PDB file of all heavy atoms in Angstrom:
ATOM      1  N   SER A   1       0.838  -1.193   0.000  1.00  0.00           N
ATOM      2  CA  SER A   1       0.000   0.000   0.000  1.00  0.00           C
ATOM      3  C   SER A   1       0.872   1.241   0.000  1.00  0.00           C
ATOM      4  O   SER A   1       1.893   1.303   0.679  1.00  0.00           O
ATOM      5  CB  SER A   1      -0.907   0.016   1.234  1.00  0.00           C
ATOM      6  OG  SER A   1      -1.595   1.258   1.320  1.00  0.00           O
ATOM      7  N   MET A   2       0.453   2.255  -0.783  1.00  0.00           N
ATOM      8  CA  MET A   2       1.141   3.542  -0.798  1.00  0.00           C
ATOM      9  C   MET A   2       0.220   4.672  -0.342  1.00  0.00           C
ATOM     10  O   MET A   2       0.464   5.844  -0.637  1.00  0.00           O
ATOM     11  CB  MET A   2       1.713   3.831  -2.187  1.00  0.00           C
ATOM     12  CG  MET A   2       2.940   2.995  -2.511  1.00  0.00           C
ATOM     13  SD  MET A   2       3.669   3.381  -4.130  1.00  0.00           S
ATOM     14  CE  MET A   2       4.013   5.134  -3.978  1.00  0.00           C
ATOM     15  N   ASN A   3      -0.830   4.331   0.380  1.00  0.00           N
ATOM     16  CA  ASN A   3      -1.803   5.337   0.808  1.00  0.00           C
ATOM     17  C   ASN A   3      -1.231   6.366   1.774  1.00  0.00           C
ATOM     18  O   ASN A   3      -1.817   7.442   1.935  1.00  0.00           O
ATOM     19  CB  ASN A   3      -3.026   4.659   1.435  1.00  0.00           C
ATOM     20  CG  ASN A   3      -4.028   4.218   0.384  1.00  0.00           C
ATOM     21  OD1 ASN A   3      -4.217   4.884  -0.627  1.00  0.00           O
ATOM     22  ND2 ASN A   3      -4.664   3.083   0.622  1.00  0.00           N
ATOM     23  N   GLU A   4      -0.113   6.069   2.423  1.00  0.00           N
ATOM     24  CA  GLU A   4       0.511   7.072   3.283  1.00  0.00           C
ATOM     25  C   GLU A   4       1.302   8.095   2.474  1.00  0.00           C
ATOM     26  O   GLU A   4       1.582   9.190   2.964  1.00  0.00           O
ATOM     27  CB  GLU A   4       1.425   6.393   4.306  1.00  0.00           C
ATOM     28  CG  GLU A   4       0.684   5.549   5.328  1.00  0.00           C
ATOM     29  CD  GLU A   4       1.612   4.996   6.391  1.00  0.00           C
ATOM     30  OE1 GLU A   4       2.821   5.327   6.348  1.00  0.00           O
ATOM     31  OE2 GLU A   4       1.137   4.241   7.261  1.00  0.00           O
ATOM     32  N   ASP A   5       1.640   7.756   1.232  1.00  0.00           N
ATOM     33  CA  ASP A   5       2.413   8.649   0.373  1.00  0.00           C
ATOM     34  C   ASP A   5       1.528   9.472  -0.555  1.00  0.00           C
ATOM     35  O   ASP A   5       1.872  10.599  -0.924  1.00  0.00           O
ATOM     36  CB  ASP A   5       3.408   7.853  -0.466  1.00  0.00           C
ATOM     37  CG  ASP A   5       4.356   7.035   0.384  1.00  0.00           C
ATOM     38  OD1 ASP A   5       5.176   7.643   1.082  1.00  0.00           O
ATOM     39  OD2 ASP A   5       4.268   5.793   0.341  1.00  0.00           O
ATOM     40  N   CYS A   6       0.402   8.901  -0.961  1.00  0.00           N
ATOM     41  CA  CYS A   6      -0.504   9.549  -1.904  1.00  0.00           C
ATOM     42  C   CYS A   6      -1.831   8.803  -1.852  1.00  0.00           C
ATOM     43  O   CYS A   6      -1.965   7.823  -1.114  1.00  0.00           O
ATOM     44  CB  CYS A   6       0.074   9.530  -3.315  1.00  0.00           C
ATOM     45  SG  CYS A   6       0.371   7.847  -3.933  1.00  0.00           S
ATOM     46  N   LYS A   7      -2.798   9.259  -2.661  1.00  0.00           N
ATOM     47  CA  LYS A   7      -4.108   8.603  -2.664  1.00  0.00           C
ATOM     48  C   LYS A   7      -4.489   8.018  -4.019  1.00  0.00           C
ATOM     49  O   LYS A   7      -5.390   7.192  -4.096  1.00  0.00           O
ATOM     50  CB  LYS A   7      -5.185   9.596  -2.216  1.00  0.00           C
ATOM     51  CG  LYS A   7      -4.985  10.115  -0.794  1.00  0.00           C
ATOM     52  CD  LYS A   7      -4.910   8.978   0.219  1.00  0.00           C
ATOM     53  CE  LYS A   7      -4.700   9.509   1.631  1.00  0.00           C
ATOM     54  NZ  LYS A   7      -4.526   8.412   2.624  1.00  0.00           N
ATOM     55  N   MET A   8      -3.820   8.460  -5.074  1.00  0.00           N
ATOM     56  CA  MET A   8      -4.028   7.889  -6.408  1.00  0.00           C
ATOM     57  C   MET A   8      -2.675   7.773  -7.098  1.00  0.00           C
ATOM     58  O   MET A   8      -1.783   8.583  -6.859  1.00  0.00           O
ATOM     59  CB  MET A   8      -4.964   8.768  -7.254  1.00  0.00           C
ATOM     60  CG  MET A   8      -6.396   8.813  -6.779  1.00  0.00           C
ATOM     61  SD  MET A   8      -7.500   9.643  -7.976  1.00  0.00           S
ATOM     62  CE  MET A   8      -7.409  11.346  -7.400  1.00  0.00           C
ATOM     63  N   LEU A   9      -2.536   6.765  -7.973  1.00  0.00           N
ATOM     64  CA  LEU A   9      -1.304   6.551  -8.725  1.00  0.00           C
ATOM     65  C   LEU A   9      -1.637   6.285 -10.186  1.00  0.00           C
ATOM     66  O   LEU A   9      -2.556   5.518 -10.489  1.00  0.00           O
ATOM     67  CB  LEU A   9      -0.516   5.369  -8.151  1.00  0.00           C
ATOM     68  CG  LEU A   9       0.289   5.649  -6.877  1.00  0.00           C
ATOM     69  CD1 LEU A   9       0.684   4.353  -6.200  1.00  0.00           C
ATOM     70  CD2 LEU A   9       1.535   6.464  -7.211  1.00  0.00           C
ATOM     71  N   PHE A  10      -0.842   6.894 -11.093  1.00  0.00           N
ATOM     72  CA  PHE A  10      -1.190   6.855 -12.511  1.00  0.00           C
ATOM     73  C   PHE A  10      -0.092   6.335 -13.427  1.00  0.00           C
ATOM     74  O   PHE A  10      -0.383   5.812 -14.501  1.00  0.00           O
ATOM     75  CB  PHE A  10      -1.570   8.266 -12.972  1.00  0.00           C
ATOM     76  CG  PHE A  10      -2.534   8.949 -12.064  1.00  0.00           C
ATOM     77  CD1 PHE A  10      -2.111   9.953 -11.215  1.00  0.00           C
ATOM     78  CD2 PHE A  10      -3.873   8.584 -12.031  1.00  0.00           C
ATOM     79  CE1 PHE A  10      -2.996  10.595 -10.364  1.00  0.00           C
ATOM     80  CE2 PHE A  10      -4.766   9.218 -11.181  1.00  0.00           C
ATOM     81  CZ  PHE A  10      -4.328  10.224 -10.337  1.00  0.00           C
ATOM     82  N   ASP A  11       1.178   6.521 -13.057  1.00  0.00           N
ATOM     83  CA  ASP A  11       2.253   6.104 -13.950  1.00  0.00           C
ATOM     84  C   ASP A  11       3.518   5.882 -13.132  1.00  0.00           C
ATOM     85  O   ASP A  11       3.642   6.381 -12.004  1.00  0.00           O
ATOM     86  CB  ASP A  11       2.512   7.167 -15.025  1.00  0.00           C
ATOM     87  CG  ASP A  11       3.205   6.593 -16.263  1.00  0.00           C
ATOM     88  OD1 ASP A  11       3.353   5.356 -16.350  1.00  0.00           O
ATOM     89  OD2 ASP A  11       3.595   7.373 -17.147  1.00  0.00           O
ATOM     90  N   ILE A  12       4.458   5.117 -13.718  1.00  0.00           N
ATOM     91  CA  ILE A  12       5.729   4.848 -13.048  1.00  0.00           C
ATOM     92  C   ILE A  12       6.834   4.758 -14.091  1.00  0.00           C
ATOM     93  O   ILE A  12       6.631   4.237 -15.189  1.00  0.00           O
ATOM     94  CB  ILE A  12       5.679   3.558 -12.209  1.00  0.00           C
ATOM     95  CG1 ILE A  12       6.986   3.361 -11.434  1.00  0.00           C
ATOM     96  CG2 ILE A  12       5.327   2.347 -13.065  1.00  0.00           C
ATOM     97  CD1 ILE A  12       6.906   2.305 -10.353  1.00  0.00           C
ATOM     98  N   LYS A  13       7.998   5.304 -13.735  1.00  0.00           N
ATOM     99  CA  LYS A  13       9.190   5.207 -14.569  1.00  0.00           C
ATOM    100  C   LYS A  13      10.369   4.867 -13.673  1.00  0.00           C
ATOM    101  O   LYS A  13      10.696   5.611 -12.743  1.00  0.00           O
ATOM    102  CB  LYS A  13       9.454   6.530 -15.292  1.00  0.00           C
ATOM    103  CG  LYS A  13      10.815   6.613 -15.974  1.00  0.00           C
ATOM    104  CD  LYS A  13      11.002   5.524 -17.026  1.00  0.00           C
ATOM    105  CE  LYS A  13      12.410   5.615 -17.643  1.00  0.00           C
ATOM    106  NZ  LYS A  13      12.629   4.530 -18.629  1.00  0.00           N
ATOM    107  N   MET A  14      11.028   3.722 -13.945  1.00  0.00           N
ATOM    108  CA  MET A  14      12.187   3.297 -13.171  1.00  0.00           C
ATOM    109  C   MET A  14      13.444   3.398 -14.028  1.00  0.00           C
ATOM    110  O   MET A  14      13.491   2.879 -15.145  1.00  0.00           O
ATOM    111  CB  MET A  14      12.001   1.870 -12.676  1.00  0.00           C
ATOM    112  CG  MET A  14      10.810   1.663 -11.752  1.00  0.00           C
ATOM    113  SD  MET A  14      10.911   2.550 -10.177  1.00  0.00           S
ATOM    114  CE  MET A  14      12.335   1.752  -9.400  1.00  0.00           C
ATOM    115  N   PHE A  15      14.478   4.075 -13.516  1.00  0.00           N
ATOM    116  CA  PHE A  15      15.763   4.144 -14.201  1.00  0.00           C
ATOM    117  C   PHE A  15      16.531   2.836 -14.063  1.00  0.00           C
ATOM    118  O   PHE A  15      17.227   2.396 -14.973  1.00  0.00           O
ATOM    119  CB  PHE A  15      16.617   5.269 -13.627  1.00  0.00           C
ATOM    120  CG  PHE A  15      16.127   6.643 -13.971  1.00  0.00           C
ATOM    121  CD1 PHE A  15      16.417   7.718 -13.155  1.00  0.00           C
ATOM    122  CD2 PHE A  15      15.383   6.879 -15.112  1.00  0.00           C
ATOM    123  CE1 PHE A  15      15.991   8.993 -13.473  1.00  0.00           C
ATOM    124  CE2 PHE A  15      14.943   8.147 -15.441  1.00  0.00           C
ATOM    125  CZ  PHE A  15      15.246   9.208 -14.620  1.00  0.00           C
ATOM    126  N   ASN A  16      16.448   2.243 -12.893  1.00  0.00           N
ATOM    127  CA  ASN A  16      17.077   0.967 -12.597  1.00  0.00           C
ATOM    128  C   ASN A  16      16.248   0.300 -11.519  1.00  0.00           C
ATOM    129  O   ASN A  16      15.150   0.772 -11.202  1.00  0.00           O
ATOM    130  CB  ASN A  16      18.543   1.155 -12.168  1.00  0.00           C
ATOM    131  CG  ASN A  16      18.688   2.164 -11.037  1.00  0.00           C
ATOM    132  OD1 ASN A  16      18.049   2.037  -9.988  1.00  0.00           O
ATOM    133  ND2 ASN A  16      19.526   3.179 -11.235  1.00  0.00           N
ATOM    134  N   LYS A  17      16.724  -0.782 -10.926  1.00  0.00           N
ATOM    135  CA  LYS A  17      15.894  -1.519  -9.977  1.00  0.00           C
ATOM    136  C   LYS A  17      15.654  -0.752  -8.680  1.00  0.00           C
ATOM    137  O   LYS A  17      14.796  -1.152  -7.875  1.00  0.00           O
ATOM    138  CB  LYS A  17      16.507  -2.882  -9.671  1.00  0.00           C
ATOM    139  CG  LYS A  17      17.829  -2.835  -8.947  1.00  0.00           C
ATOM    140  CD  LYS A  17      18.344  -4.247  -8.675  1.00  0.00           C
ATOM    141  CE  LYS A  17      19.669  -4.222  -7.922  1.00  0.00           C
ATOM    142  NZ  LYS A  17      20.169  -5.590  -7.655  1.00  0.00           N
ATOM    143  N   ASN A  18      16.373   0.351  -8.462  1.00  0.00           N
ATOM    144  CA  ASN A  18      16.226   1.110  -7.225  1.00  0.00           C
ATOM    145  C   ASN A  18      15.606   2.489  -7.414  1.00  0.00           C
ATOM    146  O   ASN A  18      14.800   2.924  -6.588  1.00  0.00           O
ATOM    147  CB  ASN A  18      17.589   1.275  -6.541  1.00  0.00           C
ATOM    148  CG  ASN A  18      18.151  -0.035  -6.042  1.00  0.00           C
ATOM    149  OD1 ASN A  18      17.441  -0.842  -5.459  1.00  0.00           O
ATOM    150  ND2 ASN A  18      19.432  -0.259  -6.285  1.00  0.00           N
ATOM    151  N   VAL A  19      15.999   3.205  -8.459  1.00  0.00           N
ATOM    152  CA  VAL A  19      15.646   4.617  -8.608  1.00  0.00           C
ATOM    153  C   VAL A  19      14.533   4.797  -9.631  1.00  0.00           C
ATOM    154  O   VAL A  19      14.627   4.302 -10.763  1.00  0.00           O
ATOM    155  CB  VAL A  19      16.873   5.444  -9.025  1.00  0.00           C
ATOM    156  CG1 VAL A  19      16.490   6.920  -9.183  1.00  0.00           C
ATOM    157  CG2 VAL A  19      17.992   5.290  -8.012  1.00  0.00           C
ATOM    158  N   GLY A  20      13.490   5.516  -9.218  1.00  0.00           N
ATOM    159  CA  GLY A  20      12.396   5.772 -10.144  1.00  0.00           C
ATOM    160  C   GLY A  20      11.411   6.791  -9.617  1.00  0.00           C
ATOM    161  O   GLY A  20      11.560   7.322  -8.511  1.00  0.00           O
ATOM    162  N   PHE A  21      10.372   7.038 -10.417  1.00  0.00           N
ATOM    163  CA  PHE A  21       9.383   8.075 -10.125  1.00  0.00           C
ATOM    164  C   PHE A  21       7.968   7.548 -10.352  1.00  0.00           C
ATOM    165  O   PHE A  21       7.748   6.700 -11.211  1.00  0.00           O
ATOM    166  CB  PHE A  21       9.627   9.297 -11.008  1.00  0.00           C
ATOM    167  CG  PHE A  21      10.950   9.950 -10.748  1.00  0.00           C
ATOM    168  CD1 PHE A  21      12.091   9.509 -11.411  1.00  0.00           C
ATOM    169  CD2 PHE A  21      11.060  10.985  -9.837  1.00  0.00           C
ATOM    170  CE1 PHE A  21      13.320  10.096 -11.171  1.00  0.00           C
ATOM    171  CE2 PHE A  21      12.285  11.576  -9.590  1.00  0.00           C
ATOM    172  CZ  PHE A  21      13.418  11.134 -10.253  1.00  0.00           C
ATOM    173  N   ALA A  22       7.035   8.094  -9.584  1.00  0.00           N
ATOM    174  CA  ALA A  22       5.627   7.744  -9.737  1.00  0.00           C
ATOM    175  C   ALA A  22       4.800   9.008  -9.851  1.00  0.00           C
ATOM    176  O   ALA A  22       5.050  10.000  -9.148  1.00  0.00           O
ATOM    177  CB  ALA A  22       5.146   6.913  -8.552  1.00  0.00           C
ATOM    178  N   CYS A  23       3.822   8.992 -10.744  1.00  0.00           N
ATOM    179  CA  CYS A  23       2.865  10.089 -10.897  1.00  0.00           C
ATOM    180  C   CYS A  23       1.671   9.813  -9.991  1.00  0.00           C
ATOM    181  O   CYS A  23       1.098   8.716 -10.024  1.00  0.00           O
ATOM    182  CB  CYS A  23       2.401  10.193 -12.340  1.00  0.00           C
ATOM    183  SG  CYS A  23       3.710  10.618 -13.497  1.00  0.00           S
ATOM    184  N   ALA A  24       1.270  10.829  -9.209  1.00  0.00           N
ATOM    185  CA  ALA A  24       0.283  10.590  -8.163  1.00  0.00           C
ATOM    186  C   ALA A  24      -0.610  11.811  -7.954  1.00  0.00           C
ATOM    187  O   ALA A  24      -0.468  12.835  -8.632  1.00  0.00           O
ATOM    188  CB  ALA A  24       1.001  10.231  -6.857  1.00  0.00           C
ATOM    189  N   ALA A  25      -1.514  11.684  -6.989  1.00  0.00           N
ATOM    190  CA  ALA A  25      -2.360  12.786  -6.541  1.00  0.00           C
ATOM    191  C   ALA A  25      -2.453  12.732  -5.025  1.00  0.00           C
ATOM    192  O   ALA A  25      -2.372  11.656  -4.417  1.00  0.00           O
ATOM    193  CB  ALA A  25      -3.745  12.720  -7.169  1.00  0.00           C
ATOM    194  N   SER A  26      -2.654  13.886  -4.412  1.00  0.00           N
ATOM    195  CA  SER A  26      -2.598  13.994  -2.952  1.00  0.00           C
ATOM    196  C   SER A  26      -3.881  13.556  -2.267  1.00  0.00           C
ATOM    197  O   SER A  26      -3.874  13.261  -1.074  1.00  0.00           O
ATOM    198  CB  SER A  26      -2.285  15.440  -2.553  1.00  0.00           C
ATOM    199  OG  SER A  26      -3.321  16.313  -3.010  1.00  0.00           O
ATOM    200  N   SER A  27      -4.998  13.515  -2.987  1.00  0.00           N
ATOM    201  CA  SER A  27      -6.291  13.188  -2.379  1.00  0.00           C
ATOM    202  C   SER A  27      -7.129  12.383  -3.350  1.00  0.00           C
ATOM    203  O   SER A  27      -7.017  12.543  -4.571  1.00  0.00           O
ATOM    204  CB  SER A  27      -7.033  14.471  -1.991  1.00  0.00           C
ATOM    205  OG  SER A  27      -8.339  14.184  -1.529  1.00  0.00           O
ATOM    206  N   GLU A  28      -7.981  11.512  -2.802  1.00  0.00           N
ATOM    207  CA  GLU A  28      -8.933  10.796  -3.646  1.00  0.00           C
ATOM    208  C   GLU A  28     -10.108  11.680  -4.032  1.00  0.00           C
ATOM    209  O   GLU A  28     -10.869  11.363  -4.943  1.00  0.00           O
ATOM    210  CB  GLU A  28      -9.426   9.525  -2.959  1.00  0.00           C
ATOM    211  CG  GLU A  28     -10.258   9.768  -1.715  1.00  0.00           C
ATOM    212  CD  GLU A  28      -9.418   9.836  -0.448  1.00  0.00           C
ATOM    213  OE1 GLU A  28      -8.225  10.166  -0.532  1.00  0.00           O
ATOM    214  OE2 GLU A  28      -9.976   9.557   0.636  1.00  0.00           O
ATOM    215  N   ASP A  29     -10.281  12.804  -3.332  1.00  0.00           N
ATOM    216  CA  ASP A  29     -11.310  13.796  -3.634  1.00  0.00           C
ATOM    217  C   ASP A  29     -10.720  14.787  -4.634  1.00  0.00           C
ATOM    218  O   ASP A  29      -9.862  15.601  -4.285  1.00  0.00           O
ATOM    219  CB  ASP A  29     -11.731  14.514  -2.355  1.00  0.00           C
ATOM    220  CG  ASP A  29     -12.834  15.535  -2.587  1.00  0.00           C
ATOM    221  OD1 ASP A  29     -13.152  15.836  -3.765  1.00  0.00           O
ATOM    222  OD2 ASP A  29     -13.386  16.039  -1.582  1.00  0.00           O
ATOM    223  N   VAL A  30     -11.161  14.729  -5.886  1.00  0.00           N
ATOM    224  CA  VAL A  30     -10.540  15.538  -6.926  1.00  0.00           C
ATOM    225  C   VAL A  30     -10.687  17.027  -6.654  1.00  0.00           C
ATOM    226  O   VAL A  30      -9.853  17.838  -7.084  1.00  0.00           O
ATOM    227  CB  VAL A  30     -11.114  15.177  -8.309  1.00  0.00           C
ATOM    228  CG1 VAL A  30     -12.552  15.646  -8.455  1.00  0.00           C
ATOM    229  CG2 VAL A  30     -10.244  15.733  -9.432  1.00  0.00           C
ATOM    230  N   THR A  31     -11.710  17.441  -5.903  1.00  0.00           N
ATOM    231  CA  THR A  31     -11.883  18.863  -5.606  1.00  0.00           C
ATOM    232  C   THR A  31     -10.782  19.383  -4.682  1.00  0.00           C
ATOM    233  O   THR A  31     -10.537  20.584  -4.615  1.00  0.00           O
ATOM    234  CB  THR A  31     -13.247  19.134  -4.966  1.00  0.00           C
ATOM    235  OG1 THR A  31     -13.295  18.534  -3.657  1.00  0.00           O
ATOM    236  CG2 THR A  31     -14.369  18.570  -5.814  1.00  0.00           C
ATOM    237  N   LYS A  32     -10.108  18.468  -3.973  1.00  0.00           N
ATOM    238  CA  LYS A  32      -9.043  18.840  -3.053  1.00  0.00           C
ATOM    239  C   LYS A  32      -7.666  18.379  -3.533  1.00  0.00           C
ATOM    240  O   LYS A  32      -6.658  18.706  -2.901  1.00  0.00           O
ATOM    241  CB  LYS A  32      -9.311  18.237  -1.673  1.00  0.00           C
ATOM    242  CG  LYS A  32     -10.630  18.672  -1.047  1.00  0.00           C
ATOM    243  CD  LYS A  32     -10.862  17.941   0.266  1.00  0.00           C
ATOM    244  CE  LYS A  32     -12.197  18.332   0.875  1.00  0.00           C
ATOM    245  NZ  LYS A  32     -12.471  17.593   2.137  1.00  0.00           N
ATOM    246  N   ALA A  33      -7.621  17.647  -4.611  1.00  0.00           N
ATOM    247  CA  ALA A  33      -6.382  16.982  -5.021  1.00  0.00           C
ATOM    248  C   ALA A  33      -5.381  17.951  -5.623  1.00  0.00           C
ATOM    249  O   ALA A  33      -5.724  18.862  -6.381  1.00  0.00           O
ATOM    250  CB  ALA A  33      -6.697  15.878  -6.022  1.00  0.00           C
ATOM    251  N   ASN A  34      -4.100  17.731  -5.295  1.00  0.00           N
ATOM    252  CA  ASN A  34      -2.962  18.373  -5.960  1.00  0.00           C
ATOM    253  C   ASN A  34      -2.212  17.319  -6.760  1.00  0.00           C
ATOM    254  O   ASN A  34      -2.190  16.141  -6.398  1.00  0.00           O
ATOM    255  CB  ASN A  34      -1.991  18.981  -4.961  1.00  0.00           C
ATOM    256  CG  ASN A  34      -2.616  20.019  -4.060  1.00  0.00           C
ATOM    257  OD1 ASN A  34      -2.338  20.040  -2.872  1.00  0.00           O
ATOM    258  ND2 ASN A  34      -3.470  20.888  -4.590  1.00  0.00           N
ATOM    259  N   ALA A  35      -1.569  17.770  -7.824  1.00  0.00           N
ATOM    260  CA  ALA A  35      -0.684  16.889  -8.587  1.00  0.00           C
ATOM    261  C   ALA A  35       0.587  16.621  -7.792  1.00  0.00           C
ATOM    262  O   ALA A  35       1.159  17.530  -7.199  1.00  0.00           O
ATOM    263  CB  ALA A  35      -0.339  17.528  -9.924  1.00  0.00           C
ATOM    264  N   VAL A  36       1.033  15.350  -7.766  1.00  0.00           N
ATOM    265  CA  VAL A  36       2.175  14.938  -6.949  1.00  0.00           C
ATOM    266  C   VAL A  36       3.104  14.050  -7.773  1.00  0.00           C
ATOM    267  O   VAL A  36       2.641  13.202  -8.543  1.00  0.00           O
ATOM    268  CB  VAL A  36       1.703  14.182  -5.685  1.00  0.00           C
ATOM    269  CG1 VAL A  36       2.884  13.536  -4.958  1.00  0.00           C
ATOM    270  CG2 VAL A  36       0.951  15.115  -4.748  1.00  0.00           C
ATOM    271  N   ILE A  37       4.412  14.264  -7.591  1.00  0.00           N
ATOM    272  CA  ILE A  37       5.425  13.359  -8.150  1.00  0.00           C
ATOM    273  C   ILE A  37       6.238  12.809  -6.990  1.00  0.00           C
ATOM    274  O   ILE A  37       6.703  13.565  -6.129  1.00  0.00           O
ATOM    275  CB  ILE A  37       6.349  14.072  -9.147  1.00  0.00           C
ATOM    276  CG1 ILE A  37       5.536  14.656 -10.302  1.00  0.00           C
ATOM    277  CG2 ILE A  37       7.402  13.098  -9.694  1.00  0.00           C
ATOM    278  CD1 ILE A  37       6.351  15.534 -11.241  1.00  0.00           C
ATOM    279  N   LEU A  38       6.412  11.481  -6.963  1.00  0.00           N
ATOM    280  CA  LEU A  38       7.153  10.795  -5.913  1.00  0.00           C
ATOM    281  C   LEU A  38       8.415  10.159  -6.488  1.00  0.00           C
ATOM    282  O   LEU A  38       8.434   9.725  -7.642  1.00  0.00           O
ATOM    283  CB  LEU A  38       6.287   9.712  -5.269  1.00  0.00           C
ATOM    284  CG  LEU A  38       4.969  10.165  -4.652  1.00  0.00           C
ATOM    285  CD1 LEU A  38       4.126   8.956  -4.275  1.00  0.00           C
ATOM    286  CD2 LEU A  38       5.201  11.054  -3.433  1.00  0.00           C
ATOM    287  N   LYS A  39       9.465  10.082  -5.643  1.00  0.00           N
ATOM    288  CA  LYS A  39      10.716   9.449  -6.049  1.00  0.00           C
ATOM    289  C   LYS A  39      11.099   8.359  -5.059  1.00  0.00           C
ATOM    290  O   LYS A  39      10.933   8.525  -3.849  1.00  0.00           O
ATOM    291  CB  LYS A  39      11.853  10.483  -6.119  1.00  0.00           C
ATOM    292  CG  LYS A  39      13.199   9.871  -6.538  1.00  0.00           C
ATOM    293  CD  LYS A  39      14.301  10.911  -6.616  1.00  0.00           C
ATOM    294  CE  LYS A  39      15.618  10.270  -7.069  1.00  0.00           C
ATOM    295  NZ  LYS A  39      16.715  11.263  -7.169  1.00  0.00           N
ATOM    296  N   THR A  40      11.602   7.238  -5.585  1.00  0.00           N
ATOM    297  CA  THR A  40      12.137   6.173  -4.738  1.00  0.00           C
ATOM    298  C   THR A  40      13.602   5.939  -5.089  1.00  0.00           C
ATOM    299  O   THR A  40      14.001   6.073  -6.250  1.00  0.00           O
ATOM    300  CB  THR A  40      11.346   4.863  -4.905  1.00  0.00           C
ATOM    301  OG1 THR A  40      11.885   3.868  -4.025  1.00  0.00           O
ATOM    302  CG2 THR A  40      11.410   4.345  -6.335  1.00  0.00           C
TER     303      THR A  40
END
Protein backbone atom coordinates (compact mmCIF):
# COMPACT_ATOMS: atom_id res chain seq x y z
CA SER A 1 0.00 0.00 0.00
CA MET A 2 1.14 3.54 -0.80
CA ASN A 3 -1.80 5.34 0.81
CA GLU A 4 0.51 7.07 3.28
CA ASP A 5 2.41 8.65 0.37
CA CYS A 6 -0.50 9.55 -1.90
CA LYS A 7 -4.11 8.60 -2.66
CA MET A 8 -4.03 7.89 -6.41
CA LEU A 9 -1.30 6.55 -8.73
CA PHE A 10 -1.19 6.86 -12.51
CA ASP A 11 2.25 6.10 -13.95
CA ILE A 12 5.73 4.85 -13.05
CA LYS A 13 9.19 5.21 -14.57
CA MET A 14 12.19 3.30 -13.17
CA PHE A 15 15.76 4.14 -14.20
CA ASN A 16 17.08 0.97 -12.60
CA LYS A 17 15.89 -1.52 -9.98
CA ASN A 18 16.23 1.11 -7.22
CA VAL A 19 15.65 4.62 -8.61
CA GLY A 20 12.40 5.77 -10.14
CA PHE A 21 9.38 8.07 -10.12
CA ALA A 22 5.63 7.74 -9.74
CA CYS A 23 2.86 10.09 -10.90
CA ALA A 24 0.28 10.59 -8.16
CA ALA A 25 -2.36 12.79 -6.54
CA SER A 26 -2.60 13.99 -2.95
CA SER A 27 -6.29 13.19 -2.38
CA GLU A 28 -8.93 10.80 -3.65
CA ASP A 29 -11.31 13.80 -3.63
CA VAL A 30 -10.54 15.54 -6.93
CA THR A 31 -11.88 18.86 -5.61
CA LYS A 32 -9.04 18.84 -3.05
CA ALA A 33 -6.38 16.98 -5.02
CA ASN A 34 -2.96 18.37 -5.96
CA ALA A 35 -0.68 16.89 -8.59
CA VAL A 36 2.17 14.94 -6.95
CA ILE A 37 5.42 13.36 -8.15
CA LEU A 38 7.15 10.80 -5.91
CA LYS A 39 10.72 9.45 -6.05
CA THR A 40 12.14 6.17 -4.74
